[in-house]
Protein backbone atom coordinates (compact mmCIF):
# COMPACT_ATOMS: atom_id res chain seq x y z
CA MET A 1 125.30 82.47 116.35
CA ILE A 2 128.06 84.68 114.88
CA LYS A 3 128.18 87.15 117.77
CA GLY A 4 131.61 87.13 119.37
CA LYS A 5 133.07 84.67 116.84
CA HIS A 6 136.19 85.47 114.81
CA ILE A 7 135.95 84.93 111.06
CA LEU A 8 139.02 84.81 108.80
CA LEU A 9 137.54 85.73 105.43
CA VAL A 10 139.79 85.10 102.42
CA GLY A 11 138.63 86.90 99.29
CA ALA A 12 136.99 89.70 101.25
CA THR A 13 137.48 92.26 98.47
CA GLY A 14 135.46 90.26 95.94
CA ARG A 15 131.72 90.73 95.54
CA ILE A 16 130.69 87.80 97.73
CA GLY A 17 133.41 88.48 100.31
CA TRP A 18 132.36 92.14 100.51
CA VAL A 19 128.77 91.16 101.32
CA MET A 20 129.87 88.43 103.74
CA THR A 21 132.07 90.93 105.60
CA HIS A 22 129.13 93.28 106.05
CA THR A 23 126.88 90.40 107.13
CA PHE A 24 129.33 89.11 109.74
CA ILE A 25 129.97 92.60 111.15
CA GLU A 26 126.23 93.32 111.32
CA ALA A 27 125.82 90.02 113.22
CA HIS A 28 128.43 91.29 115.72
CA GLY A 29 131.21 88.98 114.56
CA ASN A 30 134.88 89.89 114.45
CA VAL A 31 136.33 89.74 110.93
CA THR A 32 139.84 89.52 109.57
CA ALA A 33 139.30 90.48 105.94
CA VAL A 34 141.97 89.03 103.65
CA GLY A 35 142.67 90.07 100.07
CA ARG A 36 145.43 91.12 97.71
CA ASP A 37 144.37 94.70 97.03
CA LYS A 38 145.31 96.99 99.94
CA ASN A 39 143.18 99.84 98.57
CA LYS A 40 140.07 97.67 98.39
CA LEU A 41 140.70 96.37 101.91
CA LYS A 42 141.04 99.93 103.17
CA ALA A 43 137.80 100.92 101.43
CA LEU A 44 136.01 97.90 102.90
CA ALA A 45 137.19 98.72 106.42
CA GLU A 46 136.12 102.35 106.02
CA GLU A 47 132.72 101.34 104.64
CA VAL A 48 132.09 98.87 107.47
CA ASP A 49 133.34 101.43 110.01
CA SER A 50 133.73 98.99 112.87
CA THR A 51 136.33 98.20 115.49
CA ARG A 52 135.60 94.51 114.83
CA ILE A 53 137.41 94.38 111.48
CA LYS A 54 141.07 93.82 110.71
CA THR A 55 142.52 93.71 107.21
CA VAL A 56 145.43 91.67 105.90
CA SER A 57 146.81 92.02 102.39
CA ILE A 58 148.32 88.75 101.16
CA ASP A 59 148.43 86.37 98.20
CA ALA A 60 146.44 83.34 99.36
CA THR A 61 148.25 81.11 96.85
CA ASN A 62 151.50 81.65 98.76
CA PRO A 63 151.72 79.31 101.80
CA HIS A 64 153.92 81.76 103.75
CA ASP A 65 151.42 84.56 103.21
CA VAL A 66 148.62 82.33 104.49
CA GLU A 67 150.61 81.71 107.68
CA VAL A 68 151.02 85.48 108.04
CA ALA A 69 147.25 85.96 107.72
CA PHE A 70 146.59 83.45 110.50
CA GLU A 71 149.18 85.11 112.73
CA ARG A 72 147.63 88.55 112.20
CA ALA A 73 144.07 87.33 112.69
C-alpha cells in the first residue's frame, strides 16, 4: 500500500517520526523527512541508508519554509 508512494513527513527527527521514517522506507515508500535539526536529519538518512529518502531542514511554523519543503519534496 505504501510501495511507490511519496510521504512528506514533518517531525521526522522526533521519536515517532524516526520510527515512521523507518517503517515507510521498509515498506518501499519514498520519504522526504522534514525537521529543524540538520544533524539529526543527516543521522536519520545515514541510519536508513536508502536512496528513497530526502531530508529538508525547515521550521514548520514558518509558512515560507513549509512551501520550501513541498518544493523540495
